[in-house]
Amino acid sequence: SGHLIPDSIVNQVVCDRIGHSDCSGGFILDGYPRTVDQAQNLQIILSGMNCCIDAVIELQVDGSLMFKRIESRVSKAISSEKSVRSDDKYDVFIRRMEDYRRVTVPLSSYYRDRGCLHVID
């Protein structure tokens, strides 16, 4: 549906996963944290594990290019007679972009202030 999963659920899943022995040498998180609250929770978890964040990578892509990619994916699905993803709709895209600006953009400042943010355009 394009909605974000509540922080409490995502935080618990991540906490459980990074507690596994295969993460003891380090790990990469993709798409987490998405909010400042999640980042603060992650910091608490990592402190308890005597770990720290080495780097945060932010990939910046123009919104119009992202929507063109969605349109292309929809077109390919239709031409190959495959089903179109339910979240490949303009209104879902717009809502996700609004969520990103409202919830995730402040995260850039959070990590920039800590000196670990690397932006790739």
PDB file of N, CA and C in Angstrom:
ATOM      1  N   SER A   1       0.807  -1.204   0.000  1.00  0.00           N
ATOM      2  CA  SER A   1       0.000   0.000   0.000  1.00  0.00           C
ATOM      3  C   SER A   1       0.846   1.262   0.000  1.00  0.00           C
ATOM      4  N   GLY A   2       2.151   1.115   0.180  1.00  0.00           N
ATOM      5  CA  GLY A   2       3.032   2.269   0.144  1.00  0.00           C
ATOM      6  C   GLY A   2       3.214   2.977   1.469  1.00  0.00           C
ATOM      7  N   HIS A   3       2.626   2.464   2.545  1.00  0.00           N
ATOM      8  CA  HIS A   3       2.760   3.092   3.862  1.00  0.00           C
ATOM      9  C   HIS A   3       3.998   2.554   4.582  1.00  0.00           C
ATOM     10  N   LEU A   4       4.581   3.384   5.445  1.00  0.00           N
ATOM     11  CA  LEU A   4       5.722   2.953   6.236  1.00  0.00           C
ATOM     12  C   LEU A   4       5.266   2.045   7.372  1.00  0.00           C
ATOM     13  N   ILE A   5       6.076   1.053   7.680  1.00  0.00           N
ATOM     14  CA  ILE A   5       5.809   0.154   8.800  1.00  0.00           C
ATOM     15  C   ILE A   5       6.161   0.904  10.087  1.00  0.00           C
ATOM     16  N   PRO A   6       5.378   0.746  11.148  1.00  0.00           N
ATOM     17  CA  PRO A   6       5.669   1.456  12.401  1.00  0.00           C
ATOM     18  C   PRO A   6       7.092   1.194  12.911  1.00  0.00           C
ATOM     19  N   ASP A   7       7.703   2.238  13.467  1.00  0.00           N
ATOM     20  CA  ASP A   7       9.073   2.143  13.974  1.00  0.00           C
ATOM     21  C   ASP A   7       9.254   0.987  14.949  1.00  0.00           C
ATOM     22  N   SER A   8       8.305   0.802  15.840  1.00  0.00           N
ATOM     23  CA  SER A   8       8.453  -0.232  16.869  1.00  0.00           C
ATOM     24  C   SER A   8       8.644  -1.617  16.259  1.00  0.00           C
ATOM     25  N   ILE A   9       7.936  -1.899  15.189  1.00  0.00           N
ATOM     26  CA  ILE A   9       8.049  -3.206  14.529  1.00  0.00           C
ATOM     27  C   ILE A   9       9.390  -3.323  13.816  1.00  0.00           C
ATOM     28  N   VAL A  10       9.737  -2.305  13.040  1.00  0.00           N
ATOM     29  CA  VAL A  10      10.992  -2.340  12.283  1.00  0.00           C
ATOM     30  C   VAL A  10      12.184  -2.405  13.234  1.00  0.00           C
ATOM     31  N   ASN A  11      12.153  -1.615  14.293  1.00  0.00           N
ATOM     32  CA  ASN A  11      13.253  -1.622  15.263  1.00  0.00           C
ATOM     33  C   ASN A  11      13.456  -3.005  15.863  1.00  0.00           C
ATOM     34  N   GLN A  12      12.369  -3.671  16.203  1.00  0.00           N
ATOM     35  CA  GLN A  12      12.479  -5.000  16.810  1.00  0.00           C
ATOM     36  C   GLN A  12      13.054  -6.010  15.828  1.00  0.00           C
ATOM     37  N   VAL A  13      12.615  -5.965  14.577  1.00  0.00           N
ATOM     38  CA  VAL A  13      13.129  -6.888  13.554  1.00  0.00           C
ATOM     39  C   VAL A  13      14.632  -6.680  13.368  1.00  0.00           C
ATOM     40  N   VAL A  14      15.049  -5.416  13.251  1.00  0.00           N
ATOM     41  CA  VAL A  14      16.475  -5.120  13.063  1.00  0.00           C
ATOM     42  C   VAL A  14      17.280  -5.544  14.288  1.00  0.00           C
ATOM     43  N   CYS A  15      16.792  -5.231  15.462  1.00  0.00           N
ATOM     44  CA  CYS A  15      17.484  -5.604  16.697  1.00  0.00           C
ATOM     45  C   CYS A  15      17.676  -7.115  16.775  1.00  0.00           C
ATOM     46  N   ASP A  16      16.615  -7.855  16.493  1.00  0.00           N
ATOM     47  CA  ASP A  16      16.701  -9.316  16.514  1.00  0.00           C
ATOM     48  C   ASP A  16      17.733  -9.811  15.506  1.00  0.00           C
ATOM     49  N   ARG A  17      17.706  -9.241  14.303  1.00  0.00           N
ATOM     50  CA  ARG A  17      18.585  -9.732  13.237  1.00  0.00           C
ATOM     51  C   ARG A  17      20.054  -9.432  13.495  1.00  0.00           C
ATOM     52  N   ILE A  18      20.372  -8.204  13.900  1.00  0.00           N
ATOM     53  CA  ILE A  18      21.786  -7.877  14.085  1.00  0.00           C
ATOM     54  C   ILE A  18      22.367  -8.518  15.343  1.00  0.00           C
ATOM     55  N   GLY A  19      21.515  -9.128  16.145  1.00  0.00           N
ATOM     56  CA  GLY A  19      21.986  -9.877  17.302  1.00  0.00           C
ATOM     57  C   GLY A  19      22.490 -11.265  16.953  1.00  0.00           C
ATOM     58  N   HIS A  20      22.286 -11.717  15.719  1.00  0.00           N
ATOM     59  CA  HIS A  20      22.753 -13.044  15.300  1.00  0.00           C
ATOM     60  C   HIS A  20      24.274 -13.057  15.175  1.00  0.00           C
ATOM     61  N   SER A  21      24.851 -14.221  15.372  1.00  0.00           N
ATOM     62  CA  SER A  21      26.313 -14.347  15.366  1.00  0.00           C
ATOM     63  C   SER A  21      26.943 -13.966  14.027  1.00  0.00           C
ATOM     64  N   ASP A  22      26.217 -14.137  12.919  1.00  0.00           N
ATOM     65  CA  ASP A  22      26.811 -13.801  11.620  1.00  0.00           C
ATOM     66  C   ASP A  22      26.958 -12.295  11.422  1.00  0.00           C
ATOM     67  N   CYS A  23      26.435 -11.499  12.326  1.00  0.00           N
ATOM     68  CA  CYS A  23      26.583 -10.039  12.258  1.00  0.00           C
ATOM     69  C   CYS A  23      27.687  -9.530  13.182  1.00  0.00           C
ATOM     70  N   SER A  24      28.334 -10.440  13.902  1.00  0.00           N
ATOM     71  CA  SER A  24      29.325 -10.011  14.896  1.00  0.00           C
ATOM     72  C   SER A  24      30.526  -9.302  14.277  1.00  0.00           C
ATOM     73  N   GLY A  25      30.834  -9.591  13.022  1.00  0.00           N
ATOM     74  CA  GLY A  25      31.961  -8.940  12.358  1.00  0.00           C
ATOM     75  C   GLY A  25      31.573  -7.677  11.619  1.00  0.00           C
ATOM     76  N   GLY A  26      30.307  -7.341  11.652  1.00  0.00           N
ATOM     77  CA  GLY A  26      29.804  -6.157  10.959  1.00  0.00           C
ATOM     78  C   GLY A  26      28.662  -6.517  10.029  1.00  0.00           C
ATOM     79  N   PHE A  27      27.988  -5.515   9.550  1.00  0.00           N
ATOM     80  CA  PHE A  27      26.830  -5.735   8.693  1.00  0.00           C
ATOM     81  C   PHE A  27      26.490  -4.450   7.962  1.00  0.00           C
ATOM     82  N   ILE A  28      25.701  -4.595   6.913  1.00  0.00           N
ATOM     83  CA  ILE A  28      25.201  -3.457   6.140  1.00  0.00           C
ATOM     84  C   ILE A  28      23.687  -3.446   6.264  1.00  0.00           C
ATOM     85  N   LEU A  29      23.137  -2.298   6.580  1.00  0.00           N
ATOM     86  CA  LEU A  29      21.685  -2.133   6.638  1.00  0.00           C
ATOM     87  C   LEU A  29      21.246  -1.360   5.403  1.00  0.00           C
ATOM     88  N   ASP A  30      20.248  -1.851   4.712  1.00  0.00           N
ATOM     89  CA  ASP A  30      19.722  -1.197   3.507  1.00  0.00           C
ATOM     90  C   ASP A  30      18.282  -0.775   3.774  1.00  0.00           C
ATOM     91  N   GLY A  31      18.037   0.533   3.749  1.00  0.00           N
ATOM     92  CA  GLY A  31      16.684   1.027   3.964  1.00  0.00           C
ATOM     93  C   GLY A  31      16.318   1.231   5.423  1.00  0.00           C
ATOM     94  N   TYR A  32      17.273   1.083   6.295  1.00  0.00           N
ATOM     95  CA  TYR A  32      17.061   1.298   7.728  1.00  0.00           C
ATOM     96  C   TYR A  32      18.289   1.975   8.286  1.00  0.00           C
ATOM     97  N   PRO A  33      18.136   2.957   9.101  1.00  0.00           N
ATOM     98  CA  PRO A  33      16.901   3.569   9.568  1.00  0.00           C
ATOM     99  C   PRO A  33      16.312   4.528   8.536  1.00  0.00           C
ATOM    100  N   ARG A  34      15.009   4.743   8.625  1.00  0.00           N
ATOM    101  CA  ARG A  34      14.308   5.688   7.754  1.00  0.00           C
ATOM    102  C   ARG A  34      13.842   6.929   8.506  1.00  0.00           C
ATOM    103  N   THR A  35      13.881   6.865   9.816  1.00  0.00           N
ATOM    104  CA  THR A  35      13.435   8.000  10.631  1.00  0.00           C
ATOM    105  C   THR A  35      14.493   8.309  11.685  1.00  0.00           C
ATOM    106  N   VAL A  36      14.447   9.512  12.220  1.00  0.00           N
ATOM    107  CA  VAL A  36      15.376   9.886  13.289  1.00  0.00           C
ATOM    108  C   VAL A  36      15.141   9.001  14.511  1.00  0.00           C
ATOM    109  N   ASP A  37      13.889   8.698  14.823  1.00  0.00           N
ATOM    110  CA  ASP A  37      13.606   7.811  15.960  1.00  0.00           C
ATOM    111  C   ASP A  37      14.256   6.441  15.762  1.00  0.00           C
ATOM    112  N   GLN A  38      14.181   5.909  14.541  1.00  0.00           N
ATOM    113  CA  GLN A  38      14.828   4.628  14.254  1.00  0.00           C
ATOM    114  C   GLN A  38      16.343   4.751  14.413  1.00  0.00           C
ATOM    115  N   ALA A  39      16.910   5.862  13.954  1.00  0.00           N
ATOM    116  CA  ALA A  39      18.357   6.079  14.070  1.00  0.00           C
ATOM    117  C   ALA A  39      18.780   6.139  15.533  1.00  0.00           C
ATOM    118  N   GLN A  40      17.992   6.817  16.342  1.00  0.00           N
ATOM    119  CA  GLN A  40      18.309   6.904  17.768  1.00  0.00           C
ATOM    120  C   GLN A  40      18.206   5.533  18.426  1.00  0.00           C
ATOM    121  N   ASN A  41      17.204   4.761  18.034  1.00  0.00           N
ATOM    122  CA  ASN A  41      17.054   3.405  18.555  1.00  0.00           C
ATOM    123  C   ASN A  41      18.243   2.544  18.132  1.00  0.00           C
ATOM    124  N   LEU A  42      18.647   2.668  16.883  1.00  0.00           N
ATOM    125  CA  LEU A  42      19.792   1.902  16.392  1.00  0.00           C
ATOM    126  C   LEU A  42      21.045   2.254  17.186  1.00  0.00           C
ATOM    127  N   GLN A  43      21.230   3.519  17.485  1.00  0.00           N
ATOM    128  CA  GLN A  43      22.399   3.944  18.259  1.00  0.00           C
ATOM    129  C   GLN A  43      22.419   3.284  19.635  1.00  0.00           C
ATOM    130  N   ILE A  44      21.263   3.192  20.259  1.00  0.00           N
ATOM    131  CA  ILE A  44      21.165   2.530  21.571  1.00  0.00           C
ATOM    132  C   ILE A  44      21.525   1.055  21.446  1.00  0.00           C
ATOM    133  N   ILE A  45      20.985   0.401  20.414  1.00  0.00           N
ATOM    134  CA  ILE A  45      21.272  -1.024  20.192  1.00  0.00           C
ATOM    135  C   ILE A  45      22.766  -1.232  19.974  1.00  0.00           C
ATOM    136  N   LEU A  46      23.344  -0.414  19.090  1.00  0.00           N
ATOM    137  CA  LEU A  46      24.764  -0.569  18.760  1.00  0.00           C
ATOM    138  C   LEU A  46      25.660  -0.288  19.959  1.00  0.00           C
ATOM    139  N   SER A  47      25.290   0.691  20.761  1.00  0.00           N
ATOM    140  CA  SER A  47      26.075   0.991  21.967  1.00  0.00           C
ATOM    141  C   SER A  47      26.125  -0.219  22.891  1.00  0.00           C
ATOM    142  N   GLY A  48      25.003  -0.906  23.003  1.00  0.00           N
ATOM    143  CA  GLY A  48      24.944  -2.110  23.827  1.00  0.00           C
ATOM    144  C   GLY A  48      25.765  -3.256  23.275  1.00  0.00           C
ATOM    145  N   MET A  49      26.076  -3.191  21.983  1.00  0.00           N
ATOM    146  CA  MET A  49      26.890  -4.222  21.329  1.00  0.00           C
ATOM    147  C   MET A  49      28.348  -3.773  21.182  1.00  0.00           C
ATOM    148  N   ASN A  50      28.686  -2.607  21.742  1.00  0.00           N
ATOM    149  CA  ASN A  50      30.010  -2.000  21.568  1.00  0.00           C
ATOM    150  C   ASN A  50      30.352  -1.814  20.095  1.00  0.00           C
ATOM    151  N   CYS A  51      29.360  -1.389  19.319  1.00  0.00           N
ATOM    152  CA  CYS A  51      29.530  -1.130  17.886  1.00  0.00           C
ATOM    153  C   CYS A  51      29.213   0.334  17.607  1.00  0.00           C
ATOM    154  N   CYS A  52      29.585   0.757  16.421  1.00  0.00           N
ATOM    155  CA  CYS A  52      29.222   2.103  15.994  1.00  0.00           C
ATOM    156  C   CYS A  52      28.992   2.098  14.486  1.00  0.00           C
ATOM    157  N   ILE A  53      28.403   3.151  13.994  1.00  0.00           N
ATOM    158  CA  ILE A  53      28.157   3.292  12.560  1.00  0.00           C
ATOM    159  C   ILE A  53      29.404   3.875  11.918  1.00  0.00           C
ATOM    160  N   ASP A  54      29.915   3.178  10.910  1.00  0.00           N
ATOM    161  CA  ASP A  54      31.090   3.661  10.187  1.00  0.00           C
ATOM    162  C   ASP A  54      30.708   4.671   9.115  1.00  0.00           C
ATOM    163  N   ALA A  55      29.603   4.405   8.421  1.00  0.00           N
ATOM    164  CA  ALA A  55      29.200   5.288   7.323  1.00  0.00           C
ATOM    165  C   ALA A  55      27.720   5.117   7.036  1.00  0.00           C
ATOM    166  N   VAL A  56      27.116   6.210   6.589  1.00  0.00           N
ATOM    167  CA  VAL A  56      25.736   6.205   6.101  1.00  0.00           C
ATOM    168  C   VAL A  56      25.798   6.724   4.676  1.00  0.00           C
ATOM    169  N   ILE A  57      25.242   5.964   3.748  1.00  0.00           N
ATOM    170  CA  ILE A  57      25.263   6.352   2.341  1.00  0.00           C
ATOM    171  C   ILE A  57      23.851   6.711   1.915  1.00  0.00           C
ATOM    172  N   GLU A  58      23.700   7.906   1.378  1.00  0.00           N
ATOM    173  CA  GLU A  58      22.409   8.367   0.869  1.00  0.00           C
ATOM    174  C   GLU A  58      22.506   8.476  -0.650  1.00  0.00           C
ATOM    175  N   LEU A  59      21.654   7.741  -1.337  1.00  0.00           N
ATOM    176  CA  LEU A  59      21.585   7.815  -2.794  1.00  0.00           C
ATOM    177  C   LEU A  59      20.512   8.814  -3.168  1.00  0.00           C
ATOM    178  N   GLN A  60      20.891   9.871  -3.872  1.00  0.00           N
ATOM    179  CA  GLN A  60      19.920  10.888  -4.271  1.00  0.00           C
ATOM    180  C   GLN A  60      19.557  10.700  -5.742  1.00  0.00           C
ATOM    181  N   VAL A  61      18.253  10.620  -6.000  1.00  0.00           N
ATOM    182  CA  VAL A  61      17.738  10.473  -7.361  1.00  0.00           C
ATOM    183  C   VAL A  61      16.594  11.464  -7.535  1.00  0.00           C
ATOM    184  N   ASP A  62      16.581  12.151  -8.659  1.00  0.00           N
ATOM    185  CA  ASP A  62      15.522  13.106  -8.969  1.00  0.00           C
ATOM    186  C   ASP A  62      14.164  12.398  -9.006  1.00  0.00           C
ATOM    187  N   GLY A  63      13.151  13.028  -8.409  1.00  0.00           N
ATOM    188  CA  GLY A  63      11.810  12.441  -8.344  1.00  0.00           C
ATOM    189  C   GLY A  63      11.225  12.117  -9.701  1.00  0.00           C
ATOM    190  N   SER A  64      11.437  12.987 -10.691  1.00  0.00           N
ATOM    191  CA  SER A  64      10.881  12.722 -12.023  1.00  0.00           C
ATOM    192  C   SER A  64      11.542  11.498 -12.646  1.00  0.00           C
ATOM    193  N   LEU A  65      12.828  11.293 -12.393  1.00  0.00           N
ATOM    194  CA  LEU A  65      13.514  10.106 -12.902  1.00  0.00           C
ATOM    195  C   LEU A  65      12.976   8.851 -12.226  1.00  0.00           C
ATOM    196  N   MET A  66      12.715   8.940 -10.926  1.00  0.00           N
ATOM    197  CA  MET A  66      12.145   7.783 -10.231  1.00  0.00           C
ATOM    198  C   MET A  66      10.793   7.407 -10.820  1.00  0.00           C
ATOM    199  N   PHE A  67       9.958   8.413 -11.100  1.00  0.00           N
ATOM    200  CA  PHE A  67       8.642   8.098 -11.645  1.00  0.00           C
ATOM    201  C   PHE A  67       8.764   7.523 -13.053  1.00  0.00           C
ATOM    202  N   LYS A  68       9.712   7.999 -13.843  1.00  0.00           N
ATOM    203  CA  LYS A  68       9.936   7.428 -15.181  1.00  0.00           C
ATOM    204  C   LYS A  68      10.326   5.961 -15.076  1.00  0.00           C
ATOM    205  N   ARG A  69      11.101   5.616 -14.068  1.00  0.00           N
ATOM    206  CA  ARG A  69      11.484   4.213 -13.860  1.00  0.00           C
ATOM    207  C   ARG A  69      10.262   3.365 -13.520  1.00  0.00           C
ATOM    208  N   ILE A  70       9.364   3.925 -12.720  1.00  0.00           N
ATOM    209  CA  ILE A  70       8.126   3.209 -12.394  1.00  0.00           C
ATOM    210  C   ILE A  70       7.293   3.015 -13.650  1.00  0.00           C
ATOM    211  N   GLU A  71       7.151   4.077 -14.440  1.00  0.00           N
ATOM    212  CA  GLU A  71       6.387   3.973 -15.689  1.00  0.00           C
ATOM    213  C   GLU A  71       6.979   2.910 -16.598  1.00  0.00           C
ATOM    214  N   SER A  72       8.293   2.853 -16.679  1.00  0.00           N
ATOM    215  CA  SER A  72       8.965   1.855 -17.507  1.00  0.00           C
ATOM    216  C   SER A  72       8.690   0.446 -16.987  1.00  0.00           C
ATOM    217  N   ARG A  73       8.735   0.271 -15.671  1.00  0.00           N
ATOM    218  CA  ARG A  73       8.460  -1.035 -15.073  1.00  0.00           C
ATOM    219  C   ARG A  73       7.026  -1.467 -15.360  1.00  0.00           C
ATOM    220  N   VAL A  74       6.084  -0.529 -15.262  1.00  0.00           N
ATOM    221  CA  VAL A  74       4.679  -0.830 -15.552  1.00  0.00           C
ATOM    222  C   VAL A  74       4.519  -1.216 -17.012  1.00  0.00           C
ATOM    223  N   SER A  75       5.130  -0.452 -17.895  1.00  0.00           N
ATOM    224  CA  SER A  75       5.040  -0.720 -19.331  1.00  0.00           C
ATOM    225  C   SER A  75       5.589  -2.103 -19.672  1.00  0.00           C
ATOM    226  N   LYS A  76       6.722  -2.457 -19.089  1.00  0.00           N
ATOM    227  CA  LYS A  76       7.319  -3.776 -19.338  1.00  0.00           C
ATOM    228  C   LYS A  76       6.427  -4.891 -18.806  1.00  0.00           C
ATOM    229  N   ALA A  77       5.836  -4.683 -17.641  1.00  0.00           N
ATOM    230  CA  ALA A  77       4.948  -5.700 -17.070  1.00  0.00           C
ATOM    231  C   ALA A  77       3.738  -5.915 -17.964  1.00  0.00           C
ATOM    232  N   ILE A  78       3.164  -4.823 -18.441  1.00  0.00           N
ATOM    233  CA  ILE A  78       1.984  -4.925 -19.306  1.00  0.00           C
ATOM    234  C   ILE A  78       2.337  -5.605 -20.618  1.00  0.00           C
ATOM    235  N   SER A  79       3.449  -5.212 -21.226  1.00  0.00           N
ATOM    236  CA  SER A  79       3.824  -5.786 -22.524  1.00  0.00           C
ATOM    237  C   SER A  79       4.179  -7.262 -22.425  1.00  0.00           C
ATOM    238  N   SER A  80       4.639  -7.704 -21.265  1.00  0.00           N
ATOM    239  CA  SER A  80       4.965  -9.122 -21.094  1.00  0.00           C
ATOM    240  C   SER A  80       3.837  -9.883 -20.405  1.00  0.00           C
ATOM    241  N   GLU A  81       2.679  -9.229 -20.300  1.00  0.00           N
ATOM    242  CA  GLU A  81       1.475  -9.820 -19.722  1.00  0.00           C
ATOM    243  C   GLU A  81       1.679 -10.294 -18.278  1.00  0.00           C
ATOM    244  N   LYS A  82       2.499  -9.558 -17.551  1.00  0.00           N
ATOM    245  CA  LYS A  82       2.693  -9.835 -16.128  1.00  0.00           C
ATOM    246  C   LYS A  82       1.858  -8.844 -15.334  1.00  0.00           C
ATOM    247  N   SER A  83       1.631  -9.165 -14.077  1.00  0.00           N
ATOM    248  CA  SER A  83       0.825  -8.258 -13.261  1.00  0.00           C
ATOM    249  C   SER A  83       1.645  -7.028 -12.872  1.00  0.00           C
ATOM    250  N   VAL A  84       0.943  -5.924 -12.741  1.00  0.00           N
ATOM    251  CA  VAL A  84       1.559  -4.664 -12.341  1.00  0.00           C
ATOM    252  C   VAL A  84       1.513  -4.585 -10.820  1.00  0.00           C
ATOM    253  N   ARG A  85       2.621  -4.172 -10.229  1.00  0.00           N
ATOM    254  CA  ARG A  85       2.670  -4.046  -8.772  1.00  0.00           C
ATOM    255  C   ARG A  85       1.601  -3.066  -8.301  1.00  0.00           C
ATOM    256  N   SER A  86       0.957  -3.394  -7.205  1.00  0.00           N
ATOM    257  CA  SER A  86      -0.125  -2.543  -6.693  1.00  0.00           C
ATOM    258  C   SER A  86       0.372  -1.173  -6.244  1.00  0.00           C
ATOM    259  N   ASP A  87       1.654  -1.069  -5.922  1.00  0.00           N
ATOM    260  CA  ASP A  87       2.179   0.227  -5.480  1.00  0.00           C
ATOM    261  C   ASP A  87       2.826   1.028  -6.610  1.00  0.00           C
ATOM    262  N   ASP A  88       2.731   0.549  -7.840  1.00  0.00           N
ATOM    263  CA  ASP A  88       3.250   1.285  -9.002  1.00  0.00           C
ATOM    264  C   ASP A  88       2.174   2.199  -9.572  1.00  0.00           C
ATOM    265  N   LYS A  89       1.655   3.054  -8.718  1.00  0.00           N
ATOM    266  CA  LYS A  89       0.622   4.007  -9.116  1.00  0.00           C
ATOM    267  C   LYS A  89       1.084   5.400  -8.733  1.00  0.00           C
ATOM    268  N   TYR A  90       0.624   6.390  -9.488  1.00  0.00           N
ATOM    269  CA  TYR A  90       1.062   7.762  -9.276  1.00  0.00           C
ATOM    270  C   TYR A  90       0.746   8.250  -7.866  1.00  0.00           C
ATOM    271  N   ASP A  91      -0.466   7.966  -7.373  1.00  0.00           N
ATOM    272  CA  ASP A  91      -0.836   8.459  -6.045  1.00  0.00           C
ATOM    273  C   ASP A  91       0.016   7.825  -4.947  1.00  0.00           C
ATOM    274  N   VAL A  92       0.388   6.556  -5.137  1.00  0.00           N
ATOM    275  CA  VAL A  92       1.260   5.891  -4.166  1.00  0.00           C
ATOM    276  C   VAL A  92       2.653   6.518  -4.213  1.00  0.00           C
ATOM    277  N   PHE A  93       3.137   6.790  -5.434  1.00  0.00           N
ATOM    278  CA  PHE A  93       4.441   7.435  -5.594  1.00  0.00           C
ATOM    279  C   PHE A  93       4.467   8.795  -4.903  1.00  0.00           C
ATOM    280  N   ILE A  94       3.431   9.598  -5.130  1.00  0.00           N
ATOM    281  CA  ILE A  94       3.356  10.926  -4.519  1.00  0.00           C
ATOM    282  C   ILE A  94       3.346  10.815  -2.995  1.00  0.00           C
ATOM    283  N   ARG A  95       2.571   9.884  -2.455  1.00  0.00           N
ATOM    284  CA  ARG A  95       2.513   9.699  -0.999  1.00  0.00           C
ATOM    285  C   ARG A  95       3.883   9.279  -0.454  1.00  0.00           C
ATOM    286  N   ARG A  96       4.561   8.393  -1.173  1.00  0.00           N
ATOM    287  CA  ARG A  96       5.886   7.965  -0.727  1.00  0.00           C
ATOM    288  C   ARG A  96       6.882   9.118  -0.736  1.00  0.00           C
ATOM    289  N   MET A  97       6.810   9.958  -1.756  1.00  0.00           N
ATOM    290  CA  MET A  97       7.710  11.113  -1.823  1.00  0.00           C
ATOM    291  C   MET A  97       7.409  12.088  -0.680  1.00  0.00           C
ATOM    292  N   GLU A  98       6.132  12.277  -0.372  1.00  0.00           N
ATOM    293  CA  GLU A  98       5.761  13.144   0.753  1.00  0.00           C
ATOM    294  C   GLU A  98       6.268  12.560   2.072  1.00  0.00           C
ATOM    295  N   ASP A  99       6.110  11.239   2.233  1.00  0.00           N
ATOM    296  CA  ASP A  99       6.625  10.567   3.430  1.00  0.00           C
ATOM    297  C   ASP A  99       8.139  10.735   3.525  1.00  0.00           C
ATOM    298  N   TYR A 100       8.813  10.578   2.391  1.00  0.00           N
ATOM    299  CA  TYR A 100      10.267  10.715   2.366  1.00  0.00           C
ATOM    300  C   TYR A 100      10.676  12.111   2.831  1.00  0.00           C
ATOM    301  N   ARG A 101      10.046  13.127   2.270  1.00  0.00           N
ATOM    302  CA  ARG A 101      10.395  14.508   2.639  1.00  0.00           C
ATOM    303  C   ARG A 101      10.097  14.798   4.113  1.00  0.00           C
ATOM    304  N   ARG A 102       8.998  14.275   4.594  1.00  0.00           N
ATOM    305  CA  ARG A 102       8.564  14.556   5.960  1.00  0.00           C
ATOM    306  C   ARG A 102       9.350  13.746   6.996  1.00  0.00           C
ATOM    307  N   VAL A 103       9.601  12.479   6.698  1.00  0.00           N
ATOM    308  CA  VAL A 103      10.143  11.561   7.693  1.00  0.00           C
ATOM    309  C   VAL A 103      11.635  11.277   7.503  1.00  0.00           C
ATOM    310  N   THR A 104      12.052  11.093   6.267  1.00  0.00           N
ATOM    311  CA  THR A 104      13.412  10.628   6.016  1.00  0.00           C
ATOM    312  C   THR A 104      14.421  11.749   5.810  1.00  0.00           C
ATOM    313  N   VAL A 105      14.023  12.848   5.191  1.00  0.00           N
ATOM    314  CA  VAL A 105      14.969  13.946   4.956  1.00  0.00           C
ATOM    315  C   VAL A 105      15.640  14.415   6.257  1.00  0.00           C
ATOM    316  N   PRO A 106      14.918  14.538   7.373  1.00  0.00           N
ATOM    317  CA  PRO A 106      15.596  14.938   8.617  1.00  0.00           C
ATOM    318  C   PRO A 106      16.712  13.974   9.040  1.00  0.00           C
ATOM    319  N   LEU A 107      16.632  12.748   8.578  1.00  0.00           N
ATOM    320  CA  LEU A 107      17.655  11.757   8.898  1.00  0.00           C
ATOM    321  C   LEU A 107      19.008  12.148   8.304  1.00  0.00           C
ATOM    322  N   SER A 108      18.989  12.793   7.143  1.00  0.00           N
ATOM    323  CA  SER A 108      20.239  13.253   6.527  1.00  0.00           C
ATOM    324  C   SER A 108      20.958  14.217   7.457  1.00  0.00           C
ATOM    325  N   SER A 109      20.229  15.162   8.006  1.00  0.00           N
ATOM    326  CA  SER A 109      20.828  16.125   8.943  1.00  0.00           C
ATOM    327  C   SER A 109      21.360  15.422  10.186  1.00  0.00           C
ATOM    328  N   TYR A 110      20.604  14.455  10.670  1.00  0.00           N
ATOM    329  CA  TYR A 110      21.004  13.702  11.864  1.00  0.00           C
ATOM    330  C   TYR A 110      22.384  13.075  11.662  1.00  0.00           C
ATOM    331  N   TYR A 111      22.570  12.396  10.523  1.00  0.00           N
ATOM    332  CA  TYR A 111      23.850  11.731  10.271  1.00  0.00           C
ATOM    333  C   TYR A 111      24.919  12.704   9.777  1.00  0.00           C
ATOM    334  N   ARG A 112      24.523  13.754   9.085  1.00  0.00           N
ATOM    335  CA  ARG A 112      25.496  14.778   8.671  1.00  0.00           C
ATOM    336  C   ARG A 112      26.120  15.416   9.913  1.00  0.00           C
ATOM    337  N   ASP A 113      25.286  15.716  10.903  1.00  0.00           N
ATOM    338  CA  ASP A 113      25.771  16.311  12.151  1.00  0.00           C
ATOM    339  C   ASP A 113      26.740  15.389  12.891  1.00  0.00           C
ATOM    340  N   ARG A 114      26.640  14.097  12.659  1.00  0.00           N
ATOM    341  CA  ARG A 114      27.518  13.125  13.311  1.00  0.00           C
ATOM    342  C   ARG A 114      28.742  12.793  12.458  1.00  0.00           C
ATOM    343  N   GLY A 115      28.820  13.402  11.268  1.00  0.00           N
ATOM    344  CA  GLY A 115      29.999  13.253  10.418  1.00  0.00           C
ATOM    345  C   GLY A 115      30.134  11.936   9.685  1.00  0.00           C
ATOM    346  N   CYS A 116      29.037  11.203   9.537  1.00  0.00           N
ATOM    347  CA  CYS A 116      29.159   9.903   8.865  1.00  0.00           C
ATOM    348  C   CYS A 116      28.327   9.798   7.589  1.00  0.00           C
ATOM    349  N   LEU A 117      27.697  10.895   7.157  1.00  0.00           N
ATOM    350  CA  LEU A 117      26.849  10.856   5.964  1.00  0.00           C
ATOM    351  C   LEU A 117      27.680  11.070   4.704  1.00  0.00           C
ATOM    352  N   HIS A 118      27.471  10.186   3.725  1.00  0.00           N
ATOM    353  CA  HIS A 118      28.096  10.292   2.406  1.00  0.00           C
ATOM    354  C   HIS A 118      26.967  10.288   1.381  1.00  0.00           C
ATOM    355  N   VAL A 119      26.876  11.358   0.592  1.00  0.00           N
ATOM    356  CA  VAL A 119      25.791  11.499  -0.384  1.00  0.00           C
ATOM    357  C   VAL A 119      26.318  11.164  -1.769  1.00  0.00           C
ATOM    358  N   ILE A 120      25.583  10.316  -2.472  1.00  0.00           N
ATOM    359  CA  ILE A 120      25.907   9.959  -3.854  1.00  0.00           C
ATOM    360  C   ILE A 120      24.765  10.432  -4.723  1.00  0.00           C
ATOM    361  N   ASP A 121      25.099  11.277  -5.691  1.00  0.00           N
ATOM    362  CA  ASP A 121      24.092  11.849  -6.585  1.00  0.00           C
ATOM    363  C   ASP A 121      24.060  11.063  -7.886  1.00  0.00           C
TER     364      ASP A 121
END
